[in-house]
Amino acid sequence: MMELLNIALPKGRLGEKVYARFKAAGYPCPSIEEENRKLIFENEEAGVRYFWVKPSDVAIYVERGAADIGVAGKDILLEYEPDVYELADLGLGKCRMCVAAKKDFRDRMDRVLRVATKFPHIAGGYYATLSREIDIIHLNGSIEIAPILGLSDVIVDIVETGKTLLENDLEPKETIVPISARLIANKVGYKFKHEQITELCRRMEALSEKG
């Protein structure tokens, strides 16, 4: 019997869209659609075992081999640089990583720019390309209030619609990189389950192209 493919799904809205895409590609798992609090679901017929994990943890499960494949946002891959294969852009969960600030903000080059962010690696890399000296303030949530309270000059964060920024009198100033959900694979798992993974990837990409 074929070994099951272990698939890490991000919990939440994105995960539901991602599962719907897997299902449409021919990898359904009826038990995942039932009302329950389970975290692991199997369908031997389809050859898959799904499990729900926190979105920021998907790449860790895949990198360390607990999952053969998973779906993670490009922001996570850029920030943590896990040692995984990035197989496909699923075109789901589209947003962008932006620099945002108060509407009247003007960058003064004669002083260090204070940047509040959940993504210090991405922010640091971006400003290094501009040769801009910055002070990174690493926050974990509600970073929109940092410029309002004078903690930072700008923020680097994910922007989907820009509504939250607008409601807090901020606006996007520059786009650093577009973000979307990516199909990733464990490097060893990719070697041992190559046929299964490439077939799944082919089907998922075909659906992405259809939109």
C-alpha atoms as a PDB file:
ATOM      1  CA  MET A   1       0.000   0.000   0.000  1.00  0.00           C
ATOM      2  CA  MET A   2       1.157   3.495  -0.819  1.00  0.00           C
ATOM      3  CA  GLU A   3       2.489   5.514   2.114  1.00  0.00           C
ATOM      4  CA  LEU A   4       0.299   8.445   3.121  1.00  0.00           C
ATOM      5  CA  LEU A   5       1.424  11.967   2.310  1.00  0.00           C
ATOM      6  CA  ASN A   6       1.560  14.029   5.522  1.00  0.00           C
ATOM      7  CA  ILE A   7       0.219  17.517   4.816  1.00  0.00           C
ATOM      8  CA  ALA A   8       0.425  20.484   7.228  1.00  0.00           C
ATOM      9  CA  LEU A   9      -2.445  22.929   6.761  1.00  0.00           C
ATOM     10  CA  PRO A  10      -2.506  26.445   8.273  1.00  0.00           C
ATOM     11  CA  LYS A  11      -5.403  26.885  10.714  1.00  0.00           C
ATOM     12  CA  GLY A  12      -7.974  29.565   9.914  1.00  0.00           C
ATOM     13  CA  ARG A  13      -9.527  31.105   6.827  1.00  0.00           C
ATOM     14  CA  LEU A  14      -6.544  30.491   4.574  1.00  0.00           C
ATOM     15  CA  GLY A  15      -6.379  26.839   5.648  1.00  0.00           C
ATOM     16  CA  GLU A  16     -10.012  26.319   4.671  1.00  0.00           C
ATOM     17  CA  LYS A  17      -9.336  27.741   1.198  1.00  0.00           C
ATOM     18  CA  VAL A  18      -6.202  25.611   0.918  1.00  0.00           C
ATOM     19  CA  TYR A  19      -8.070  22.428   1.903  1.00  0.00           C
ATOM     20  CA  ALA A  20     -10.784  23.253  -0.675  1.00  0.00           C
ATOM     21  CA  ARG A  21      -8.015  23.453  -3.296  1.00  0.00           C
ATOM     22  CA  PHE A  22      -6.580  20.065  -2.215  1.00  0.00           C
ATOM     23  CA  LYS A  23     -10.085  18.573  -2.334  1.00  0.00           C
ATOM     24  CA  ALA A  24     -10.688  19.964  -5.830  1.00  0.00           C
ATOM     25  CA  ALA A  25      -7.336  18.476  -6.892  1.00  0.00           C
ATOM     26  CA  GLY A  26      -8.557  15.005  -5.895  1.00  0.00           C
ATOM     27  CA  TYR A  27      -7.351  14.787  -2.288  1.00  0.00           C
ATOM     28  CA  PRO A  28     -10.546  14.961  -0.221  1.00  0.00           C
ATOM     29  CA  CYS A  29     -10.817  13.959   3.423  1.00  0.00           C
ATOM     30  CA  PRO A  30     -14.467  13.834   4.582  1.00  0.00           C
ATOM     31  CA  SER A  31     -13.619  13.757   8.322  1.00  0.00           C
ATOM     32  CA  ILE A  32     -11.964  17.186   8.067  1.00  0.00           C
ATOM     33  CA  GLU A  33     -15.335  18.659   7.084  1.00  0.00           C
ATOM     34  CA  GLU A  34     -17.177  17.279  10.128  1.00  0.00           C
ATOM     35  CA  GLU A  35     -17.828  19.363  13.253  1.00  0.00           C
ATOM     36  CA  ASN A  36     -15.049  18.206  15.577  1.00  0.00           C
ATOM     37  CA  ARG A  37     -11.988  19.373  17.464  1.00  0.00           C
ATOM     38  CA  LYS A  38      -9.607  16.842  15.963  1.00  0.00           C
ATOM     39  CA  LEU A  39      -6.308  18.059  14.544  1.00  0.00           C
ATOM     40  CA  ILE A  40      -5.307  15.027  12.413  1.00  0.00           C
ATOM     41  CA  PHE A  41      -7.410  13.561   9.585  1.00  0.00           C
ATOM     42  CA  GLU A  42      -6.705  10.637   7.240  1.00  0.00           C
ATOM     43  CA  ASN A  43      -8.081   9.373   3.962  1.00  0.00           C
ATOM     44  CA  GLU A  44      -6.210   6.221   2.930  1.00  0.00           C
ATOM     45  CA  GLU A  45      -8.098   6.053  -0.343  1.00  0.00           C
ATOM     46  CA  ALA A  46      -6.776   9.469  -1.400  1.00  0.00           C
ATOM     47  CA  GLY A  47      -3.370   8.702   0.179  1.00  0.00           C
ATOM     48  CA  VAL A  48      -3.330  11.740   2.481  1.00  0.00           C
ATOM     49  CA  ARG A  49      -3.092  12.610   6.162  1.00  0.00           C
ATOM     50  CA  TYR A  50      -3.876  16.252   6.970  1.00  0.00           C
ATOM     51  CA  PHE A  51      -3.200  18.114  10.185  1.00  0.00           C
ATOM     52  CA  TRP A  52      -3.989  21.646  11.330  1.00  0.00           C
ATOM     53  CA  VAL A  53      -1.180  23.773  12.759  1.00  0.00           C
ATOM     54  CA  LYS A  54      -0.613  27.450  13.485  1.00  0.00           C
ATOM     55  CA  PRO A  55       0.240  29.182  10.157  1.00  0.00           C
ATOM     56  CA  SER A  56       3.670  30.316  11.371  1.00  0.00           C
ATOM     57  CA  ASP A  57       4.487  26.698  12.407  1.00  0.00           C
ATOM     58  CA  VAL A  58       3.761  25.006   9.058  1.00  0.00           C
ATOM     59  CA  ALA A  59       7.299  25.552   7.768  1.00  0.00           C
ATOM     60  CA  ILE A  60       8.783  24.055  10.977  1.00  0.00           C
ATOM     61  CA  TYR A  61       6.717  20.859  10.633  1.00  0.00           C
ATOM     62  CA  VAL A  62       7.789  20.565   7.000  1.00  0.00           C
ATOM     63  CA  GLU A  63      11.453  21.445   7.551  1.00  0.00           C
ATOM     64  CA  ARG A  64      11.796  18.886  10.364  1.00  0.00           C
ATOM     65  CA  GLY A  65       9.987  16.125   8.463  1.00  0.00           C
ATOM     66  CA  ALA A  66       6.812  15.794  10.555  1.00  0.00           C
ATOM     67  CA  ALA A  67       5.027  16.820   7.342  1.00  0.00           C
ATOM     68  CA  ASP A  68       6.042  15.908   3.795  1.00  0.00           C
ATOM     69  CA  ILE A  69       4.395  19.006   2.383  1.00  0.00           C
ATOM     70  CA  GLY A  70       2.539  22.042   3.680  1.00  0.00           C
ATOM     71  CA  VAL A  71       1.222  25.446   2.747  1.00  0.00           C
ATOM     72  CA  ALA A  72       2.889  28.549   4.166  1.00  0.00           C
ATOM     73  CA  GLY A  73       2.717  32.254   3.379  1.00  0.00           C
ATOM     74  CA  LYS A  74       5.646  33.743   1.479  1.00  0.00           C
ATOM     75  CA  ASP A  75       6.095  36.119   4.451  1.00  0.00           C
ATOM     76  CA  ILE A  76       6.955  33.160   6.719  1.00  0.00           C
ATOM     77  CA  LEU A  77       9.402  31.748   4.140  1.00  0.00           C
ATOM     78  CA  LEU A  78      11.159  35.108   3.744  1.00  0.00           C
ATOM     79  CA  GLU A  79      11.284  35.839   7.471  1.00  0.00           C
ATOM     80  CA  TYR A  80      12.481  32.467   8.771  1.00  0.00           C
ATOM     81  CA  GLU A  81      14.173  31.047   5.639  1.00  0.00           C
ATOM     82  CA  PRO A  82      13.359  27.395   6.448  1.00  0.00           C
ATOM     83  CA  ASP A  83      15.363  24.716   4.634  1.00  0.00           C
ATOM     84  CA  VAL A  84      12.509  23.461   2.424  1.00  0.00           C
ATOM     85  CA  TYR A  85      11.653  23.269  -1.261  1.00  0.00           C
ATOM     86  CA  GLU A  86       9.181  25.881  -2.492  1.00  0.00           C
ATOM     87  CA  LEU A  87       7.178  24.009  -5.122  1.00  0.00           C
ATOM     88  CA  ALA A  88       4.363  26.294  -6.237  1.00  0.00           C
ATOM     89  CA  ASP A  89       2.575  29.595  -5.729  1.00  0.00           C
ATOM     90  CA  LEU A  90      -1.055  28.664  -5.043  1.00  0.00           C
ATOM     91  CA  GLY A  91      -2.256  32.228  -5.643  1.00  0.00           C
ATOM     92  CA  LEU A  92      -4.294  32.120  -2.411  1.00  0.00           C
ATOM     93  CA  GLY A  93      -4.164  34.562   0.503  1.00  0.00           C
ATOM     94  CA  LYS A  94      -2.808  37.333  -1.700  1.00  0.00           C
ATOM     95  CA  CYS A  95      -1.574  40.437   0.095  1.00  0.00           C
ATOM     96  CA  ARG A  96       1.660  42.464   0.276  1.00  0.00           C
ATOM     97  CA  MET A  97       4.416  43.322   2.721  1.00  0.00           C
ATOM     98  CA  CYS A  98       4.464  47.100   3.050  1.00  0.00           C
ATOM     99  CA  VAL A  99       6.086  50.009   4.786  1.00  0.00           C
ATOM    100  CA  ALA A 100       3.311  52.130   6.299  1.00  0.00           C
ATOM    101  CA  ALA A 101       3.318  55.381   8.248  1.00  0.00           C
ATOM    102  CA  LYS A 102       1.202  58.387   9.173  1.00  0.00           C
ATOM    103  CA  LYS A 103      -0.107  60.200   6.120  1.00  0.00           C
ATOM    104  CA  ASP A 104       2.040  63.268   6.750  1.00  0.00           C
ATOM    105  CA  PHE A 105       5.233  61.296   7.474  1.00  0.00           C
ATOM    106  CA  ARG A 106       8.397  62.391   5.659  1.00  0.00           C
ATOM    107  CA  ASP A 107      11.585  60.384   6.160  1.00  0.00           C
ATOM    108  CA  ARG A 108      14.414  62.512   7.531  1.00  0.00           C
ATOM    109  CA  MET A 109      17.687  61.030   6.345  1.00  0.00           C
ATOM    110  CA  ASP A 110      19.709  62.789   9.073  1.00  0.00           C
ATOM    111  CA  ARG A 111      18.429  60.430  11.773  1.00  0.00           C
ATOM    112  CA  VAL A 112      17.937  56.725  12.416  1.00  0.00           C
ATOM    113  CA  LEU A 113      14.559  55.464  11.203  1.00  0.00           C
ATOM    114  CA  ARG A 114      12.559  53.596  13.865  1.00  0.00           C
ATOM    115  CA  VAL A 115      10.761  50.597  12.362  1.00  0.00           C
ATOM    116  CA  ALA A 116       8.147  48.562  14.272  1.00  0.00           C
ATOM    117  CA  THR A 117       7.475  45.103  12.838  1.00  0.00           C
ATOM    118  CA  LYS A 118       6.709  41.419  13.388  1.00  0.00           C
ATOM    119  CA  PHE A 119       9.142  40.719  10.539  1.00  0.00           C
ATOM    120  CA  PRO A 120      12.608  41.991  11.588  1.00  0.00           C
ATOM    121  CA  HIS A 121      14.467  39.888   9.006  1.00  0.00           C
ATOM    122  CA  ILE A 122      12.383  41.141   6.067  1.00  0.00           C
ATOM    123  CA  ALA A 123      12.470  44.746   7.328  1.00  0.00           C
ATOM    124  CA  GLY A 124      16.223  44.628   7.962  1.00  0.00           C
ATOM    125  CA  GLY A 125      16.918  43.165   4.522  1.00  0.00           C
ATOM    126  CA  TYR A 126      14.744  45.734   2.775  1.00  0.00           C
ATOM    127  CA  TYR A 127      16.355  48.745   4.433  1.00  0.00           C
ATOM    128  CA  ALA A 128      19.836  47.263   3.926  1.00  0.00           C
ATOM    129  CA  THR A 129      19.208  47.415   0.154  1.00  0.00           C
ATOM    130  CA  LEU A 130      18.450  51.126   0.607  1.00  0.00           C
ATOM    131  CA  SER A 131      21.539  51.605   2.835  1.00  0.00           C
ATOM    132  CA  ARG A 132      19.193  53.161   5.389  1.00  0.00           C
ATOM    133  CA  GLU A 133      20.163  53.061   9.044  1.00  0.00           C
ATOM    134  CA  ILE A 134      17.268  51.731  11.130  1.00  0.00           C
ATOM    135  CA  ASP A 135      16.335  50.802  14.673  1.00  0.00           C
ATOM    136  CA  ILE A 136      14.071  47.715  14.607  1.00  0.00           C
ATOM    137  CA  ILE A 137      11.402  47.464  17.291  1.00  0.00           C
ATOM    138  CA  HIS A 138      10.172  43.850  17.309  1.00  0.00           C
ATOM    139  CA  LEU A 139       6.481  43.702  18.244  1.00  0.00           C
ATOM    140  CA  ASN A 140       4.078  40.754  18.165  1.00  0.00           C
ATOM    141  CA  GLY A 141       0.705  42.385  17.620  1.00  0.00           C
ATOM    142  CA  SER A 142      -1.300  45.573  16.974  1.00  0.00           C
ATOM    143  CA  ILE A 143       1.722  47.269  15.465  1.00  0.00           C
ATOM    144  CA  GLU A 144      -0.455  49.953  13.871  1.00  0.00           C
ATOM    145  CA  ILE A 145      -0.470  51.854  17.174  1.00  0.00           C
ATOM    146  CA  ALA A 146       3.344  52.142  17.293  1.00  0.00           C
ATOM    147  CA  PRO A 147       3.575  55.248  15.037  1.00  0.00           C
ATOM    148  CA  ILE A 148       0.465  56.790  16.650  1.00  0.00           C
ATOM    149  CA  LEU A 149       2.032  56.589  20.125  1.00  0.00           C
ATOM    150  CA  GLY A 150       5.416  57.757  18.836  1.00  0.00           C
ATOM    151  CA  LEU A 151       7.120  54.401  19.453  1.00  0.00           C
ATOM    152  CA  SER A 152       8.163  54.154  15.800  1.00  0.00           C
ATOM    153  CA  ASP A 153       8.308  56.276  12.649  1.00  0.00           C
ATOM    154  CA  VAL A 154       7.057  53.532  10.327  1.00  0.00           C
ATOM    155  CA  ILE A 155       5.810  49.941  10.453  1.00  0.00           C
ATOM    156  CA  VAL A 156       6.576  46.988   8.186  1.00  0.00           C
ATOM    157  CA  ASP A 157       3.582  44.667   8.019  1.00  0.00           C
ATOM    158  CA  ILE A 158       1.269  42.631   5.832  1.00  0.00           C
ATOM    159  CA  VAL A 159      -1.429  44.679   4.114  1.00  0.00           C
ATOM    160  CA  GLU A 160      -4.473  42.980   2.641  1.00  0.00           C
ATOM    161  CA  THR A 161      -7.057  45.695   2.018  1.00  0.00           C
ATOM    162  CA  GLY A 162      -5.419  48.612   3.852  1.00  0.00           C
ATOM    163  CA  LYS A 163      -8.616  49.147   5.878  1.00  0.00           C
ATOM    164  CA  THR A 164      -6.921  48.708   9.287  1.00  0.00           C
ATOM    165  CA  LEU A 165      -4.229  51.204   8.296  1.00  0.00           C
ATOM    166  CA  LEU A 166      -6.815  53.711   7.130  1.00  0.00           C
ATOM    167  CA  GLU A 167      -8.829  53.392  10.345  1.00  0.00           C
ATOM    168  CA  ASN A 168      -5.661  54.201  12.299  1.00  0.00           C
ATOM    169  CA  ASP A 169      -4.726  57.210  10.104  1.00  0.00           C
ATOM    170  CA  LEU A 170      -1.867  55.358   8.438  1.00  0.00           C
ATOM    171  CA  GLU A 171      -1.205  54.594   4.788  1.00  0.00           C
ATOM    172  CA  PRO A 172       1.079  52.266   2.805  1.00  0.00           C
ATOM    173  CA  LYS A 173       4.192  54.095   1.603  1.00  0.00           C
ATOM    174  CA  GLU A 174       6.102  51.350  -0.248  1.00  0.00           C
ATOM    175  CA  THR A 175       5.481  47.723  -1.197  1.00  0.00           C
ATOM    176  CA  ILE A 176       8.388  45.479  -0.243  1.00  0.00           C
ATOM    177  CA  VAL A 177       7.154  42.200  -1.737  1.00  0.00           C
ATOM    178  CA  PRO A 178       3.873  40.545  -2.821  1.00  0.00           C
ATOM    179  CA  ILE A 179       2.758  37.703  -0.533  1.00  0.00           C
ATOM    180  CA  SER A 180       0.693  34.571  -1.238  1.00  0.00           C
ATOM    181  CA  ALA A 181       0.384  30.957  -0.079  1.00  0.00           C
ATOM    182  CA  ARG A 182       3.149  28.615  -1.265  1.00  0.00           C
ATOM    183  CA  LEU A 183       3.246  24.826  -1.463  1.00  0.00           C
ATOM    184  CA  ILE A 184       6.425  23.653   0.276  1.00  0.00           C
ATOM    185  CA  ALA A 185       8.064  20.247   0.706  1.00  0.00           C
ATOM    186  CA  ASN A 186      10.478  18.568   3.084  1.00  0.00           C
ATOM    187  CA  LYS A 187      13.717  17.899   1.173  1.00  0.00           C
ATOM    188  CA  VAL A 188      14.046  14.252   2.255  1.00  0.00           C
ATOM    189  CA  GLY A 189      10.322  13.553   1.866  1.00  0.00           C
ATOM    190  CA  TYR A 190      10.475  15.033  -1.638  1.00  0.00           C
ATOM    191  CA  LYS A 191      13.122  12.489  -2.567  1.00  0.00           C
ATOM    192  CA  PHE A 192      11.338   9.457  -1.089  1.00  0.00           C
ATOM    193  CA  LYS A 193       7.794  10.395  -2.123  1.00  0.00           C
ATOM    194  CA  HIS A 194       8.802  12.155  -5.320  1.00  0.00           C
ATOM    195  CA  GLU A 195       6.114  10.660  -7.544  1.00  0.00           C
ATOM    196  CA  GLN A 196       3.256  11.384  -5.137  1.00  0.00           C
ATOM    197  CA  ILE A 197       4.430  14.923  -4.436  1.00  0.00           C
ATOM    198  CA  THR A 198       5.068  15.886  -8.071  1.00  0.00           C
ATOM    199  CA  GLU A 199       1.645  14.523  -9.089  1.00  0.00           C
ATOM    200  CA  LEU A 200      -0.050  16.510  -6.296  1.00  0.00           C
ATOM    201  CA  CYS A 201       1.929  19.594  -7.248  1.00  0.00           C
ATOM    202  CA  ARG A 202       0.949  19.212 -10.920  1.00  0.00           C
ATOM    203  CA  ARG A 203      -2.737  18.991 -10.024  1.00  0.00           C
ATOM    204  CA  MET A 204      -2.567  21.957  -7.635  1.00  0.00           C
ATOM    205  CA  GLU A 205      -0.792  24.127 -10.202  1.00  0.00           C
ATOM    206  CA  ALA A 206      -3.355  23.206 -12.856  1.00  0.00           C
ATOM    207  CA  LEU A 207      -6.094  24.512 -10.525  1.00  0.00           C
ATOM    208  CA  SER A 208      -4.076  27.678  -9.751  1.00  0.00           C
ATOM    209  CA  GLU A 209      -3.867  28.443 -13.462  1.00  0.00           C
ATOM    210  CA  LYS A 210      -7.637  28.091 -13.791  1.00  0.00           C
ATOM    211  CA  GLY A 211      -7.919  30.646 -10.973  1.00  0.00           C
END
